[in-house]
């Protein structure tokens, strides 16, 4: 007869719970992955922090009023592996951000690409390819997000 110890059962349950939390943390369910938004604005802040980088862009929304857009990016390590450098993008820079918007309609999303004032574009793997104008081609609105 096989005996199962209480610590083994507890350990298996704990590992199972942690694995589900890790998967939930990395869910893309809150973003409209089939849509991209392009906004021109000024970076209010850039946070190279784990587990995700954050970019706050001050830009006009669909109503024409300026607001802060909270854009989530990958970890600093993930950005570095894709060729980004921490000094490529800074608060105060005027940039064009491409991102997948949040499903709930709040001002934010998941980062796809950044176009710097120099014209250099920092892209994330898996983002929509740019069209002939250099803007993301999948459902992206014209400049200014309108």
Protein backbone atom coordinates (compact mmCIF):
# COMPACT_ATOMS: atom_id res chain seq x y z
CA UNK A 1 0.00 0.00 0.00
CA UNK A 2 1.32 3.43 -0.99
CA UNK A 3 1.55 6.02 1.77
CA UNK A 4 1.31 9.70 0.95
CA UNK A 5 2.75 12.07 3.48
CA UNK A 6 0.97 15.24 4.53
CA UNK A 7 4.02 17.43 3.68
CA UNK A 8 4.12 15.98 0.14
CA UNK A 9 0.44 16.75 -0.42
CA UNK A 10 0.87 20.25 1.02
CA UNK A 11 3.93 20.85 -1.18
CA UNK A 12 2.11 19.72 -4.32
CA UNK A 13 -0.85 21.97 -3.51
CA UNK A 14 1.46 24.94 -2.89
CA UNK A 15 3.30 24.44 -6.19
CA UNK A 16 0.00 24.18 -8.03
CA UNK A 17 -1.26 27.42 -6.49
CA UNK A 18 1.96 29.28 -7.27
CA UNK A 19 1.94 28.09 -10.88
CA UNK A 20 -1.61 29.34 -11.44
CA UNK A 21 -0.72 32.73 -9.93
CA UNK A 22 2.29 33.01 -12.22
CA UNK A 23 0.15 32.29 -15.27
CA UNK A 24 -2.51 34.80 -14.15
CA UNK A 25 0.16 37.45 -13.64
CA UNK A 26 1.31 37.08 -17.25
CA UNK A 27 -2.16 37.03 -18.76
CA UNK A 28 -2.87 39.28 -21.73
CA UNK A 29 -6.62 39.08 -21.15
CA UNK A 30 -6.92 42.74 -20.14
CA UNK A 31 -5.57 43.99 -23.49
CA UNK A 32 -7.16 44.11 -26.93
CA UNK A 33 -4.39 42.21 -28.68
CA UNK A 34 -6.08 42.53 -32.09
CA UNK A 35 -6.00 46.36 -31.94
CA UNK A 36 -3.17 48.87 -31.82
CA UNK A 37 -3.27 52.53 -30.84
CA UNK A 38 -0.65 55.07 -31.87
CA UNK A 39 -0.23 58.25 -29.81
CA UNK A 40 2.20 61.16 -30.08
CA UNK A 41 3.07 62.77 -26.78
CA UNK A 42 5.63 63.51 -24.10
CA UNK A 43 6.91 60.89 -21.69
CA UNK A 44 6.04 61.94 -18.17
CA UNK A 45 7.96 59.04 -16.63
CA UNK A 46 9.90 55.92 -17.54
CA UNK A 47 10.24 53.17 -14.94
CA UNK A 48 12.70 50.35 -15.64
CA UNK A 49 11.48 48.16 -12.81
CA UNK A 50 10.76 44.47 -12.32
CA UNK A 51 8.59 42.68 -13.07
CA UNK A 52 7.42 45.18 -15.74
CA UNK A 53 8.62 48.47 -17.12
CA UNK A 54 6.13 51.35 -17.18
CA UNK A 55 5.85 54.35 -19.47
CA UNK A 56 3.53 57.25 -18.69
CA UNK A 57 2.75 59.26 -21.83
CA UNK A 58 0.94 62.59 -21.72
CA UNK A 59 -1.06 62.75 -24.96
CA UNK A 60 -4.45 63.81 -26.29
CA UNK A 61 -7.14 61.17 -26.00
CA UNK A 62 -10.04 60.61 -28.39
CA UNK A 63 -11.83 63.61 -26.84
CA UNK A 64 -8.87 65.86 -27.68
CA UNK A 65 -7.98 66.48 -24.03
CA UNK A 66 -4.51 65.66 -22.74
CA UNK A 67 -4.31 62.79 -20.27
CA UNK A 68 -1.71 60.43 -18.87
CA UNK A 69 -1.60 57.01 -20.55
CA UNK A 70 -0.17 54.16 -18.41
CA UNK A 71 1.68 51.82 -20.79
CA UNK A 72 3.06 48.52 -19.50
CA UNK A 73 6.17 46.96 -21.01
CA UNK A 74 8.26 43.87 -20.41
CA UNK A 75 10.92 43.60 -17.73
CA UNK A 76 14.13 45.61 -18.13
CA UNK A 77 15.89 42.33 -18.87
CA UNK A 78 13.37 41.60 -21.63
CA UNK A 79 13.89 45.05 -23.14
CA UNK A 80 17.67 44.67 -23.00
CA UNK A 81 17.50 41.28 -24.73
CA UNK A 82 15.59 42.98 -27.55
CA UNK A 83 18.29 45.62 -28.00
CA UNK A 84 16.94 48.44 -25.84
CA UNK A 85 19.25 50.46 -23.60
CA UNK A 86 18.03 52.17 -20.42
CA UNK A 87 19.17 55.56 -21.73
CA UNK A 88 17.39 55.19 -25.13
CA UNK A 89 14.17 56.64 -23.72
CA UNK A 90 13.77 59.20 -20.94
CA UNK A 91 11.14 61.29 -19.21
CA UNK A 92 10.61 64.50 -21.17
CA UNK A 93 11.21 62.85 -24.58
CA UNK A 94 8.62 63.56 -27.27
CA UNK A 95 7.78 60.13 -28.71
CA UNK A 96 5.22 58.12 -30.62
CA UNK A 97 4.00 55.04 -28.73
CA UNK A 98 2.22 52.08 -30.28
CA UNK A 99 0.36 49.85 -27.83
CA UNK A 100 -2.47 47.37 -27.44
CA UNK A 101 -5.25 49.22 -25.55
CA UNK A 102 -6.94 48.02 -22.39
CA UNK A 103 -10.29 46.32 -22.86
CA UNK A 104 -11.91 48.40 -20.13
CA UNK A 105 -11.26 51.62 -22.07
CA UNK A 106 -9.05 53.25 -19.45
CA UNK A 107 -6.04 55.24 -20.67
CA UNK A 108 -3.39 52.56 -20.96
CA UNK A 109 -2.20 49.43 -22.64
CA UNK A 110 0.63 47.07 -23.44
CA UNK A 111 3.65 48.48 -25.27
CA UNK A 112 4.39 47.43 -28.86
CA UNK A 113 6.86 50.09 -30.08
CA UNK A 114 8.35 53.52 -29.41
CA UNK A 115 9.43 55.94 -32.13
CA UNK A 116 12.03 58.39 -30.83
CA UNK A 117 12.42 62.01 -32.03
CA UNK A 118 15.46 60.86 -34.02
CA UNK A 119 13.22 58.53 -36.02
CA UNK A 120 14.73 55.43 -34.42
CA UNK A 121 12.08 52.86 -33.55
CA UNK A 122 12.35 50.52 -30.59
CA UNK A 123 10.04 47.55 -31.19
CA UNK A 124 9.02 44.56 -29.15
CA UNK A 125 8.93 41.14 -30.75
CA UNK A 126 5.45 40.14 -31.85
CA UNK A 127 4.20 43.68 -32.44
CA UNK A 128 2.33 44.60 -35.61
CA UNK A 129 4.57 45.52 -38.55
CA UNK A 130 4.67 49.18 -39.53
CA UNK A 131 2.82 50.27 -42.67
CA UNK A 132 4.31 52.50 -45.39
CA UNK A 133 4.14 55.54 -43.07
CA UNK A 134 6.05 53.72 -40.33
CA UNK A 135 2.98 53.39 -38.10
CA UNK A 136 1.59 50.12 -36.79
CA UNK A 137 -0.73 48.75 -39.43
CA UNK A 138 -3.29 46.77 -37.42
CA UNK A 139 -6.23 49.03 -36.61
CA UNK A 140 -4.04 51.97 -35.66
CA UNK A 141 -5.69 55.38 -35.68
CA UNK A 142 -4.05 58.34 -37.38
CA UNK A 143 -1.50 60.49 -35.50
CA UNK A 144 -2.85 61.90 -32.26
CA UNK A 145 -5.02 58.84 -31.64
CA UNK A 146 -8.12 60.27 -33.33
